[in-house]
Amino acid sequence: MSRRLPPLNALKAFEAAARQLSFTRAAEELFVTQAAVSHQIKALEEHLGIKLFMRKNRSLLLTEEGQGYFYDIKDIFSQLLEATEKLLAKGAKGALSVSLPPTFAIQWLVPRLNQFSELHPEIDVRIKAVDQEESSLTDDVDVAIYYGRGNWPNVSSDKLHTEYMIPVCSPLLMNDTKPLNSPVDLRHHTLLHDMTRETWKDWMKSAGIKGVNVTHGPIFSHSSMVLQAAIHGQGVALGHSVLAKPEIDSGRLVCPFNEVLVSKNAYYVVCRESQVELGKIAAFRDWMLALVREEQEEFIDE
């Protein structure tokens, strides 16, 4: 004889409705509509071939069979909840391995990491810097930072900052014999490229600038390199707003123009779909999202 359990969603709806004696309150608890709860209860009754609820004087009551069934399964749901809370509590402590691009680690995460440690001293963060093509959620990685458009399969990804590409250079260039008074003055300066020349092309097009040759200038494989080249006065770079901000705040870099390019790519915090709510992962993820939201608002206000 085959054994077939009722659908879990139907059991969840029944347990909530039986405990609340209300389809409406059950729907609010489960974040679904009242009609959805009613549909699940009907499906469960059809599956069992037994009437579980009855209405009397506009009140919802359990039938004798429904009451007995509720008392039998309510402890099972309590045990599931207890087991889940125990797992999450266990997962709130210990080591947390974070994989991310080196530049993001150096320019953004490491300077702020003490803030997370102060909030969660029970979590031991371990940083693993990897190049973009190496980014993956291997067995030894809990959380990763990916750069792209957020369409990676089989993972949960949350966008961090909206990414703006902004022209940056050393303050020394502003007082050079060939000053940077307007974007067209870029034709007298070396353009520094981060991975590709296409970004400068897109920025020129977005700003409506013509007559500037973007096919020359050194190309760097890491964003930190192009920022260092700009700091040392080797040319003008298009910096990622997230990564260039520390250098701008310190005065090592300045923005000669206000024109910005909204990037199609951005940084995302990524974890396994099954571990989104795991204590230490949720704590780190929530901390990052809250912090970058605050910094994004400051950037926009500026």
C-alpha atoms as a PDB file:
ATOM      1  CA  MET A   1       0.000   0.000   0.000  1.00  0.00           C
ATOM      2  CA  SER A   2       1.505   3.324  -1.094  1.00  0.00           C
ATOM      3  CA  ARG A   3       1.663   6.181   1.407  1.00  0.00           C
ATOM      4  CA  ARG A   4       1.008   9.663   0.069  1.00  0.00           C
ATOM      5  CA  LEU A   5       1.229  12.721   2.303  1.00  0.00           C
ATOM      6  CA  PRO A   6      -1.120  15.671   1.742  1.00  0.00           C
ATOM      7  CA  PRO A   7       0.447  18.741   0.057  1.00  0.00           C
ATOM      8  CA  LEU A   8       2.542  20.700   2.549  1.00  0.00           C
ATOM      9  CA  ASN A   9       0.985  24.070   1.610  1.00  0.00           C
ATOM     10  CA  ALA A  10      -2.464  22.660   2.303  1.00  0.00           C
ATOM     11  CA  LEU A  11      -1.327  21.363   5.694  1.00  0.00           C
ATOM     12  CA  LYS A  12       0.190  24.765   6.531  1.00  0.00           C
ATOM     13  CA  ALA A  13      -3.090  26.473   5.633  1.00  0.00           C
ATOM     14  CA  PHE A  14      -5.083  23.986   7.705  1.00  0.00           C
ATOM     15  CA  GLU A  15      -2.825  24.304  10.757  1.00  0.00           C
ATOM     16  CA  ALA A  16      -2.978  28.120  10.674  1.00  0.00           C
ATOM     17  CA  ALA A  17      -6.738  28.225  10.058  1.00  0.00           C
ATOM     18  CA  ALA A  18      -7.440  25.628  12.773  1.00  0.00           C
ATOM     19  CA  ARG A  19      -5.272  27.470  15.286  1.00  0.00           C
ATOM     20  CA  GLN A  20      -6.786  30.867  14.457  1.00  0.00           C
ATOM     21  CA  LEU A  21     -10.292  29.563  13.658  1.00  0.00           C
ATOM     22  CA  SER A  22     -10.278  32.119  10.876  1.00  0.00           C
ATOM     23  CA  PHE A  23      -9.370  31.928   7.208  1.00  0.00           C
ATOM     24  CA  THR A  24      -8.727  35.682   7.209  1.00  0.00           C
ATOM     25  CA  ARG A  25      -6.198  35.638  10.051  1.00  0.00           C
ATOM     26  CA  ALA A  26      -4.570  32.520   8.613  1.00  0.00           C
ATOM     27  CA  ALA A  27      -4.160  34.321   5.289  1.00  0.00           C
ATOM     28  CA  GLU A  28      -2.521  37.308   7.027  1.00  0.00           C
ATOM     29  CA  GLU A  29      -0.129  35.002   8.871  1.00  0.00           C
ATOM     30  CA  LEU A  30       0.839  33.137   5.703  1.00  0.00           C
ATOM     31  CA  PHE A  31       1.002  36.296   3.537  1.00  0.00           C
ATOM     32  CA  VAL A  32      -1.556  34.962   1.053  1.00  0.00           C
ATOM     33  CA  THR A  33      -5.157  35.826   0.221  1.00  0.00           C
ATOM     34  CA  GLN A  34      -8.180  34.463   2.057  1.00  0.00           C
ATOM     35  CA  ALA A  35      -9.243  32.829  -1.198  1.00  0.00           C
ATOM     36  CA  ALA A  36      -5.901  31.001  -1.349  1.00  0.00           C
ATOM     37  CA  VAL A  37      -6.390  29.613   2.159  1.00  0.00           C
ATOM     38  CA  SER A  38      -9.929  28.542   1.306  1.00  0.00           C
ATOM     39  CA  HIS A  39      -8.653  26.833  -1.851  1.00  0.00           C
ATOM     40  CA  GLN A  40      -5.934  24.964   0.085  1.00  0.00           C
ATOM     41  CA  ILE A  41      -8.428  23.783   2.720  1.00  0.00           C
ATOM     42  CA  LYS A  42     -10.802  22.549   0.038  1.00  0.00           C
ATOM     43  CA  ALA A  43      -7.946  20.710  -1.679  1.00  0.00           C
ATOM     44  CA  LEU A  44      -6.954  19.073   1.617  1.00  0.00           C
ATOM     45  CA  GLU A  45     -10.524  17.990   2.344  1.00  0.00           C
ATOM     46  CA  GLU A  46     -10.799  16.481  -1.124  1.00  0.00           C
ATOM     47  CA  HIS A  47      -7.449  14.740  -0.676  1.00  0.00           C
ATOM     48  CA  LEU A  48      -8.548  13.232   2.647  1.00  0.00           C
ATOM     49  CA  GLY A  49     -12.172  12.736   1.728  1.00  0.00           C
ATOM     50  CA  ILE A  50     -13.130  14.277   5.093  1.00  0.00           C
ATOM     51  CA  LYS A  51     -14.809  17.557   6.043  1.00  0.00           C
ATOM     52  CA  LEU A  52     -12.489  19.508   8.374  1.00  0.00           C
ATOM     53  CA  PHE A  53     -14.365  22.777   8.976  1.00  0.00           C
ATOM     54  CA  MET A  54     -17.953  23.900   9.346  1.00  0.00           C
ATOM     55  CA  ARG A  55     -19.561  27.291   9.714  1.00  0.00           C
ATOM     56  CA  LYS A  56     -22.082  27.959  12.491  1.00  0.00           C
ATOM     57  CA  ASN A  57     -23.604  31.340  13.326  1.00  0.00           C
ATOM     58  CA  ARG A  58     -21.016  33.036  11.086  1.00  0.00           C
ATOM     59  CA  SER A  59     -18.221  31.394  13.072  1.00  0.00           C
ATOM     60  CA  LEU A  60     -15.631  28.955  11.789  1.00  0.00           C
ATOM     61  CA  LEU A  61     -15.498  25.681  13.728  1.00  0.00           C
ATOM     62  CA  LEU A  62     -13.580  22.448  13.385  1.00  0.00           C
ATOM     63  CA  THR A  63     -15.476  19.269  12.776  1.00  0.00           C
ATOM     64  CA  GLU A  64     -14.801  16.405  15.154  1.00  0.00           C
ATOM     65  CA  GLU A  65     -12.458  14.873  12.585  1.00  0.00           C
ATOM     66  CA  GLY A  66     -10.818  18.233  11.922  1.00  0.00           C
ATOM     67  CA  GLN A  67     -10.237  18.837  15.623  1.00  0.00           C
ATOM     68  CA  GLY A  68      -8.605  15.455  16.071  1.00  0.00           C
ATOM     69  CA  TYR A  69      -6.419  15.972  13.005  1.00  0.00           C
ATOM     70  CA  PHE A  70      -5.348  19.411  14.232  1.00  0.00           C
ATOM     71  CA  TYR A  71      -4.284  18.085  17.636  1.00  0.00           C
ATOM     72  CA  ASP A  72      -2.288  15.328  15.948  1.00  0.00           C
ATOM     73  CA  ILE A  73      -0.341  17.593  13.569  1.00  0.00           C
ATOM     74  CA  LYS A  74       0.109  20.781  15.628  1.00  0.00           C
ATOM     75  CA  ASP A  75       2.982  19.225  17.601  1.00  0.00           C
ATOM     76  CA  ILE A  76       4.666  18.272  14.323  1.00  0.00           C
ATOM     77  CA  PHE A  77       4.608  21.920  13.189  1.00  0.00           C
ATOM     78  CA  SER A  78       5.940  23.013  16.581  1.00  0.00           C
ATOM     79  CA  GLN A  79       8.791  20.532  16.272  1.00  0.00           C
ATOM     80  CA  LEU A  80       9.592  21.796  12.753  1.00  0.00           C
ATOM     81  CA  LEU A  81       9.682  25.376  14.022  1.00  0.00           C
ATOM     82  CA  GLU A  82      11.879  24.422  16.963  1.00  0.00           C
ATOM     83  CA  ALA A  83      14.288  22.481  14.725  1.00  0.00           C
ATOM     84  CA  THR A  84      14.517  25.426  12.308  1.00  0.00           C
ATOM     85  CA  GLU A  85      15.177  27.947  15.081  1.00  0.00           C
ATOM     86  CA  LYS A  86      17.853  25.658  16.517  1.00  0.00           C
ATOM     87  CA  LEU A  87      19.526  25.406  13.108  1.00  0.00           C
ATOM     88  CA  LEU A  88      19.438  29.179  12.571  1.00  0.00           C
ATOM     89  CA  ALA A  89      20.776  29.821  16.063  1.00  0.00           C
ATOM     90  CA  LYS A  90      23.652  27.439  15.383  1.00  0.00           C
ATOM     91  CA  GLY A  91      24.274  29.124  12.047  1.00  0.00           C
ATOM     92  CA  ALA A  92      24.474  32.564  13.706  1.00  0.00           C
ATOM     93  CA  LYS A  93      27.942  31.821  15.106  1.00  0.00           C
ATOM     94  CA  GLY A  94      31.307  30.681  13.868  1.00  0.00           C
ATOM     95  CA  ALA A  95      33.300  31.394  10.723  1.00  0.00           C
ATOM     96  CA  LEU A  96      31.812  33.193   7.714  1.00  0.00           C
ATOM     97  CA  SER A  97      33.749  32.889   4.468  1.00  0.00           C
ATOM     98  CA  VAL A  98      33.285  35.782   2.026  1.00  0.00           C
ATOM     99  CA  SER A  99      34.551  35.615  -1.566  1.00  0.00           C
ATOM    100  CA  LEU A 100      34.827  38.878  -3.520  1.00  0.00           C
ATOM    101  CA  PRO A 101      36.879  40.804  -6.111  1.00  0.00           C
ATOM    102  CA  PRO A 102      40.170  42.189  -4.706  1.00  0.00           C
ATOM    103  CA  THR A 103      39.362  45.819  -5.518  1.00  0.00           C
ATOM    104  CA  PHE A 104      35.980  45.696  -3.790  1.00  0.00           C
ATOM    105  CA  ALA A 105      37.622  44.067  -0.779  1.00  0.00           C
ATOM    106  CA  ILE A 106      40.355  46.744  -0.548  1.00  0.00           C
ATOM    107  CA  GLN A 107      38.304  49.820  -1.431  1.00  0.00           C
ATOM    108  CA  TRP A 108      34.980  49.021   0.248  1.00  0.00           C
ATOM    109  CA  LEU A 109      34.699  46.016   2.543  1.00  0.00           C
ATOM    110  CA  VAL A 110      37.943  45.982   4.522  1.00  0.00           C
ATOM    111  CA  PRO A 111      37.685  49.634   5.694  1.00  0.00           C
ATOM    112  CA  ARG A 112      34.169  48.919   7.009  1.00  0.00           C
ATOM    113  CA  LEU A 113      34.623  45.395   8.320  1.00  0.00           C
ATOM    114  CA  ASN A 114      35.229  46.521  11.901  1.00  0.00           C
ATOM    115  CA  GLN A 115      31.670  47.890  11.963  1.00  0.00           C
ATOM    116  CA  PHE A 116      30.303  44.415  11.294  1.00  0.00           C
ATOM    117  CA  SER A 117      32.661  42.845  13.834  1.00  0.00           C
ATOM    118  CA  GLU A 118      31.467  45.269  16.508  1.00  0.00           C
ATOM    119  CA  LEU A 119      27.851  44.326  15.797  1.00  0.00           C
ATOM    120  CA  HIS A 120      28.544  40.588  15.567  1.00  0.00           C
ATOM    121  CA  PRO A 121      31.671  39.665  17.550  1.00  0.00           C
ATOM    122  CA  GLU A 122      30.489  36.033  17.547  1.00  0.00           C
ATOM    123  CA  ILE A 123      31.025  35.786  13.757  1.00  0.00           C
ATOM    124  CA  ASP A 124      34.571  35.286  12.505  1.00  0.00           C
ATOM    125  CA  VAL A 125      34.752  36.755   8.984  1.00  0.00           C
ATOM    126  CA  ARG A 126      37.258  35.237   6.578  1.00  0.00           C
ATOM    127  CA  ILE A 127      37.989  37.196   3.396  1.00  0.00           C
ATOM    128  CA  LYS A 128      38.891  35.417   0.163  1.00  0.00           C
ATOM    129  CA  ALA A 129      39.846  37.782  -2.684  1.00  0.00           C
ATOM    130  CA  VAL A 130      39.317  36.258  -6.141  1.00  0.00           C
ATOM    131  CA  ASP A 131      39.127  37.538  -9.699  1.00  0.00           C
ATOM    132  CA  GLN A 132      35.694  37.812 -11.287  1.00  0.00           C
ATOM    133  CA  GLU A 133      36.034  34.671 -13.412  1.00  0.00           C
ATOM    134  CA  GLU A 134      36.919  32.695 -10.281  1.00  0.00           C
ATOM    135  CA  SER A 135      33.846  33.844  -8.365  1.00  0.00           C
ATOM    136  CA  SER A 136      31.763  30.889  -7.336  1.00  0.00           C
ATOM    137  CA  LEU A 137      30.006  29.526  -4.295  1.00  0.00           C
ATOM    138  CA  THR A 138      32.343  26.641  -3.638  1.00  0.00           C
ATOM    139  CA  ASP A 139      31.909  24.490  -0.549  1.00  0.00           C
ATOM    140  CA  ASP A 140      34.241  26.744   1.459  1.00  0.00           C
ATOM    141  CA  VAL A 141      32.368  29.984   0.607  1.00  0.00           C
ATOM    142  CA  ASP A 142      29.245  31.213   2.431  1.00  0.00           C
ATOM    143  CA  VAL A 143      28.745  34.608   0.787  1.00  0.00           C
ATOM    144  CA  ALA A 144      30.161  36.114  -2.407  1.00  0.00           C
ATOM    145  CA  ILE A 145      30.225  39.511  -4.062  1.00  0.00           C
ATOM    146  CA  TYR A 146      29.611  39.294  -7.804  1.00  0.00           C
ATOM    147  CA  TYR A 147      29.868  42.080 -10.363  1.00  0.00           C
ATOM    148  CA  GLY A 148      27.411  41.957 -13.254  1.00  0.00           C
ATOM    149  CA  ARG A 149      23.706  42.212 -13.992  1.00  0.00           C
ATOM    150  CA  GLY A 150      22.332  39.923 -11.310  1.00  0.00           C
ATOM    151  CA  ASN A 151      21.209  37.052 -13.517  1.00  0.00           C
ATOM    152  CA  TRP A 152      23.223  34.165 -12.065  1.00  0.00           C
ATOM    153  CA  PRO A 153      21.423  30.822 -11.818  1.00  0.00           C
ATOM    154  CA  ASN A 154      20.740  28.873  -8.631  1.00  0.00           C
ATOM    155  CA  VAL A 155      21.749  31.637  -6.199  1.00  0.00           C
ATOM    156  CA  SER A 156      20.038  34.417  -4.281  1.00  0.00           C
ATOM    157  CA  SER A 157      21.462  37.810  -5.322  1.00  0.00           C
ATOM    158  CA  ASP A 158      20.720  41.286  -3.928  1.00  0.00           C
ATOM    159  CA  LYS A 159      21.919  44.420  -5.662  1.00  0.00           C
ATOM    160  CA  LEU A 160      24.133  46.672  -3.596  1.00  0.00           C
ATOM    161  CA  HIS A 161      24.827  50.167  -4.959  1.00  0.00           C
ATOM    162  CA  THR A 162      23.528  51.484  -8.227  1.00  0.00           C
ATOM    163  CA  GLU A 163      26.797  51.848 -10.077  1.00  0.00           C
ATOM    164  CA  TYR A 164      27.799  55.241 -11.469  1.00  0.00           C
ATOM    165  CA  MET A 165      30.881  55.725 -13.636  1.00  0.00           C
ATOM    166  CA  ILE A 166      32.457  59.082 -12.814  1.00  0.00           C
ATOM    167  CA  PRO A 167      35.541  60.823 -14.278  1.00  0.00           C
ATOM    168  CA  VAL A 168      38.280  61.157 -11.651  1.00  0.00           C
ATOM    169  CA  CYS A 169      41.820  62.497 -11.666  1.00  0.00           C
ATOM    170  CA  SER A 170      44.562  63.819  -9.415  1.00  0.00           C
ATOM    171  CA  PRO A 171      44.032  67.397  -8.143  1.00  0.00           C
ATOM    172  CA  LEU A 172      47.387  68.177  -9.795  1.00  0.00           C
ATOM    173  CA  LEU A 173      45.805  67.842 -13.236  1.00  0.00           C
ATOM    174  CA  MET A 174      43.265  70.519 -12.389  1.00  0.00           C
ATOM    175  CA  ASN A 175      46.077  73.078 -12.166  1.00  0.00           C
ATOM    176  CA  ASP A 176      48.099  71.696 -15.050  1.00  0.00           C
ATOM    177  CA  THR A 177      49.118  73.709 -18.110  1.00  0.00           C
ATOM    178  CA  LYS A 178      46.184  71.997 -19.822  1.00  0.00           C
ATOM    179  CA  PRO A 179      43.380  72.437 -17.284  1.00  0.00           C
ATOM    180  CA  LEU A 180      40.169  70.430 -17.196  1.00  0.00           C
ATOM    181  CA  ASN A 181      37.491  73.079 -17.388  1.00  0.00           C
ATOM    182  CA  SER A 182      35.021  71.089 -19.493  1.00  0.00           C
ATOM    183  CA  PRO A 183      34.714  67.525 -20.841  1.00  0.00           C
ATOM    184  CA  VAL A 184      36.084  68.546 -24.258  1.00  0.00           C
ATOM    185  CA  ASP A 185      39.410  69.309 -22.525  1.00  0.00           C
ATOM    186  CA  LEU A 186      39.854  65.545 -22.160  1.00  0.00           C
ATOM    187  CA  ARG A 187      41.299  65.546 -25.684  1.00  0.00           C
ATOM    188  CA  HIS A 188      44.493  66.991 -24.158  1.00  0.00           C
ATOM    189  CA  HIS A 189      44.811  64.249 -21.511  1.00  0.00           C
ATOM    190  CA  THR A 190      45.503  60.542 -21.312  1.00  0.00           C
ATOM    191  CA  LEU A 191      42.418  58.437 -20.711  1.00  0.00           C
ATOM    192  CA  LEU A 192      42.883  55.505 -18.319  1.00  0.00           C
ATOM    193  CA  HIS A 193      40.799  52.423 -19.052  1.00  0.00           C
ATOM    194  CA  ASP A 194      39.412  49.797 -16.669  1.00  0.00           C
ATOM    195  CA  MET A 195      39.362  46.448 -18.566  1.00  0.00           C
ATOM    196  CA  THR A 196      37.888  47.955 -21.750  1.00  0.00           C
ATOM    197  CA  ARG A 197      37.740  51.175 -23.765  1.00  0.00           C
ATOM    198  CA  GLU A 198      33.984  50.796 -24.227  1.00  0.00           C
ATOM    199  CA  THR A 199      33.129  52.506 -20.939  1.00  0.00           C
ATOM    200  CA  TRP A 200      34.768  55.770 -21.964  1.00  0.00           C
ATOM    201  CA  LYS A 201      32.974  55.517 -25.316  1.00  0.00           C
ATOM    202  CA  ASP A 202      29.638  55.116 -23.519  1.00  0.00           C
ATOM    203  CA  TRP A 203      30.403  58.024 -21.181  1.00  0.00           C
ATOM    204  CA  MET A 204      31.269  60.334 -24.109  1.00  0.00           C
ATOM    205  CA  LYS A 205      28.072  59.369 -25.882  1.00  0.00           C
ATOM    206  CA  SER A 206      25.957  59.865 -22.765  1.00  0.00           C
ATOM    207  CA  ALA A 207      27.540  63.277 -22.099  1.00  0.00           C
ATOM    208  CA  GLY A 208      27.203  64.321 -25.737  1.00  0.00           C
ATOM    209  CA  ILE A 209      30.952  64.866 -26.115  1.00  0.00           C
ATOM    210  CA  LYS A 210      32.573  64.606 -29.548  1.00  0.00           C
ATOM    211  CA  GLY A 211      36.123  65.019 -30.771  1.00  0.00           C
ATOM    212  CA  VAL A 212      37.844  63.088 -27.977  1.00  0.00           C
ATOM    213  CA  ASN A 213      39.852  60.039 -29.046  1.00  0.00           C
ATOM    214  CA  VAL A 214      39.095  57.158 -26.659  1.00  0.00           C
ATOM    215  CA  THR A 215      41.144  54.549 -28.545  1.00  0.00           C
ATOM    216  CA  HIS A 216      44.383  55.395 -26.734  1.00  0.00           C
ATOM    217  CA  GLY A 217      45.584  55.135 -23.178  1.00  0.00           C
ATOM    218  CA  PRO A 218      46.611  52.228 -20.948  1.00  0.00           C
ATOM    219  CA  ILE A 219      44.168  49.466 -20.011  1.00  0.00           C
ATOM    220  CA  PHE A 220      44.270  47.977 -16.495  1.00  0.00           C
ATOM    221  CA  SER A 221      42.977  44.566 -15.466  1.00  0.00           C
ATOM    222  CA  HIS A 222      41.830  45.703 -11.998  1.00  0.00           C
ATOM    223  CA  SER A 223      39.877  48.770 -10.919  1.00  0.00           C
ATOM    224  CA  SER A 224      42.332  49.438  -8.084  1.00  0.00           C
ATOM    225  CA  MET A 225      45.136  49.811 -10.650  1.00  0.00           C
ATOM    226  CA  VAL A 226      43.311  52.396 -12.730  1.00  0.00           C
ATOM    227  CA  LEU A 227      42.512  54.395  -9.581  1.00  0.00           C
ATOM    228  CA  GLN A 228      46.165  54.311  -8.489  1.00  0.00           C
ATOM    229  CA  ALA A 229      47.248  55.491 -11.941  1.00  0.00           C
ATOM    230  CA  ALA A 230      44.816  58.401 -11.667  1.00  0.00           C
ATOM    231  CA  ILE A 231      46.038  59.249  -8.142  1.00  0.00           C
ATOM    232  CA  HIS A 232      49.601  59.480  -9.477  1.00  0.00           C
ATOM    233  CA  GLY A 233      48.548  61.921 -12.178  1.00  0.00           C
ATOM    234  CA  GLN A 234      48.950  59.547 -15.104  1.00  0.00           C
ATOM    235  CA  GLY A 235      45.622  60.531 -16.677  1.00  0.00           C
ATOM    236  CA  VAL A 236      41.870  60.676 -16.169  1.00  0.00           C
ATOM    237  CA  ALA A 237      39.988  57.532 -15.220  1.00  0.00           C
ATOM    238  CA  LEU A 238      36.347  56.560 -15.199  1.00  0.00           C
ATOM    239  CA  GLY A 239      35.979  55.324 -11.653  1.00  0.00           C
ATOM    240  CA  HIS A 240      33.274  53.158 -10.142  1.00  0.00           C
ATOM    241  CA  SER A 241      31.424  55.434  -7.710  1.00  0.00           C
ATOM    242  CA  VAL A 242      31.568  52.757  -5.004  1.00  0.00           C
ATOM    243  CA  LEU A 243      35.306  52.176  -5.321  1.00  0.00           C
ATOM    244  CA  ALA A 244      36.425  55.748  -6.007  1.00  0.00           C
ATOM    245  CA  LYS A 245      34.537  57.315  -3.080  1.00  0.00           C
ATOM    246  CA  PRO A 246      37.275  56.711  -0.436  1.00  0.00           C
ATOM    247  CA  GLU A 247      39.861  58.352  -2.679  1.00  0.00           C
ATOM    248  CA  ILE A 248      37.550  61.281  -3.409  1.00  0.00           C
ATOM    249  CA  ASP A 249      36.732  61.738   0.288  1.00  0.00           C
ATOM    250  CA  SER A 250      40.442  61.773   1.118  1.00  0.00           C
ATOM    251  CA  GLY A 251      41.213  64.352  -1.576  1.00  0.00           C
ATOM    252  CA  ARG A 252      43.534  62.057  -3.515  1.00  0.00           C
ATOM    253  CA  LEU A 253      41.084  62.163  -6.410  1.00  0.00           C
ATOM    254  CA  VAL A 254      38.668  64.817  -7.633  1.00  0.00           C
ATOM    255  CA  CYS A 255      35.761  64.799 -10.076  1.00  0.00           C
ATOM    256  CA  PRO A 256      36.486  67.428 -12.733  1.00  0.00           C
ATOM    257  CA  PHE A 257      32.982  67.201 -14.243  1.00  0.00           C
ATOM    258  CA  ASN A 258      29.472  66.424 -13.033  1.00  0.00           C
ATOM    259  CA  GLU A 259      28.535  64.146 -15.930  1.00  0.00           C
ATOM    260  CA  VAL A 260      28.066  60.538 -14.810  1.00  0.00           C
ATOM    261  CA  LEU A 261      27.198  57.299 -16.576  1.00  0.00           C
ATOM    262  CA  VAL A 262      24.764  54.887 -14.946  1.00  0.00           C
ATOM    263  CA  SER A 263      26.309  51.460 -15.406  1.00  0.00           C
ATOM    264  CA  LYS A 264      24.308  48.438 -16.502  1.00  0.00           C
ATOM    265  CA  ASN A 265      26.379  46.391 -14.059  1.00  0.00           C
ATOM    266  CA  ALA A 266      26.538  46.532 -10.289  1.00  0.00           C
ATOM    267  CA  TYR A 267      27.877  44.687  -7.282  1.00  0.00           C
ATOM    268  CA  TYR A 268      25.605  42.024  -5.775  1.00  0.00           C
ATOM    269  CA  VAL A 269      25.763  40.111  -2.507  1.00  0.00           C
ATOM    270  CA  VAL A 270      25.189  36.450  -3.332  1.00  0.00           C
ATOM    271  CA  CYS A 271      24.486  33.313  -1.327  1.00  0.00           C
ATOM    272  CA  ARG A 272      22.828  29.948  -1.814  1.00  0.00           C
ATOM    273  CA  GLU A 273      19.040  30.148  -2.048  1.00  0.00           C
ATOM    274  CA  SER A 274      18.688  27.584   0.722  1.00  0.00           C
ATOM    275  CA  GLN A 275      20.820  29.651   3.127  1.00  0.00           C
ATOM    276  CA  VAL A 276      19.367  33.149   2.759  1.00  0.00           C
ATOM    277  CA  GLU A 277      17.921  33.036   6.288  1.00  0.00           C
ATOM    278  CA  LEU A 278      20.856  31.222   7.916  1.00  0.00           C
ATOM    279  CA  GLY A 279      21.899  33.298  10.928  1.00  0.00           C
ATOM    280  CA  LYS A 280      25.450  34.402  10.118  1.00  0.00           C
ATOM    281  CA  ILE A 281      24.729  34.761   6.394  1.00  0.00           C
ATOM    282  CA  ALA A 282      21.552  36.769   6.996  1.00  0.00           C
ATOM    283  CA  ALA A 283      23.402  38.996   9.487  1.00  0.00           C
ATOM    284  CA  PHE A 284      26.187  39.804   7.006  1.00  0.00           C
ATOM    285  CA  ARG A 285      23.832  40.237   4.065  1.00  0.00           C
ATOM    286  CA  ASP A 286      21.445  42.517   5.996  1.00  0.00           C
ATOM    287  CA  TRP A 287      24.365  44.598   7.306  1.00  0.00           C
ATOM    288  CA  MET A 288      25.761  45.136   3.807  1.00  0.00           C
ATOM    289  CA  LEU A 289      22.393  46.044   2.287  1.00  0.00           C
ATOM    290  CA  ALA A 290      21.614  48.549   5.050  1.00  0.00           C
ATOM    291  CA  LEU A 291      25.042  50.175   4.853  1.00  0.00           C
ATOM    292  CA  VAL A 292      25.155  50.533   1.077  1.00  0.00           C
ATOM    293  CA  ARG A 293      21.595  51.913   1.080  1.00  0.00           C
ATOM    294  CA  GLU A 294      22.721  54.652   3.461  1.00  0.00           C
ATOM    295  CA  GLU A 295      25.823  55.411   1.397  1.00  0.00           C
ATOM    296  CA  GLN A 296      23.832  55.486  -1.838  1.00  0.00           C
ATOM    297  CA  GLU A 297      21.493  58.092  -0.365  1.00  0.00           C
ATOM    298  CA  GLU A 298      24.498  60.209   0.682  1.00  0.00           C
ATOM    299  CA  PHE A 299      25.972  59.968  -2.835  1.00  0.00           C
ATOM    300  CA  ILE A 300      22.707  61.040  -4.469  1.00  0.00           C
ATOM    301  CA  ASP A 301      22.315  63.945  -2.010  1.00  0.00           C
ATOM    302  CA  GLU A 302      25.786  65.162  -2.900  1.00  0.00           C
END
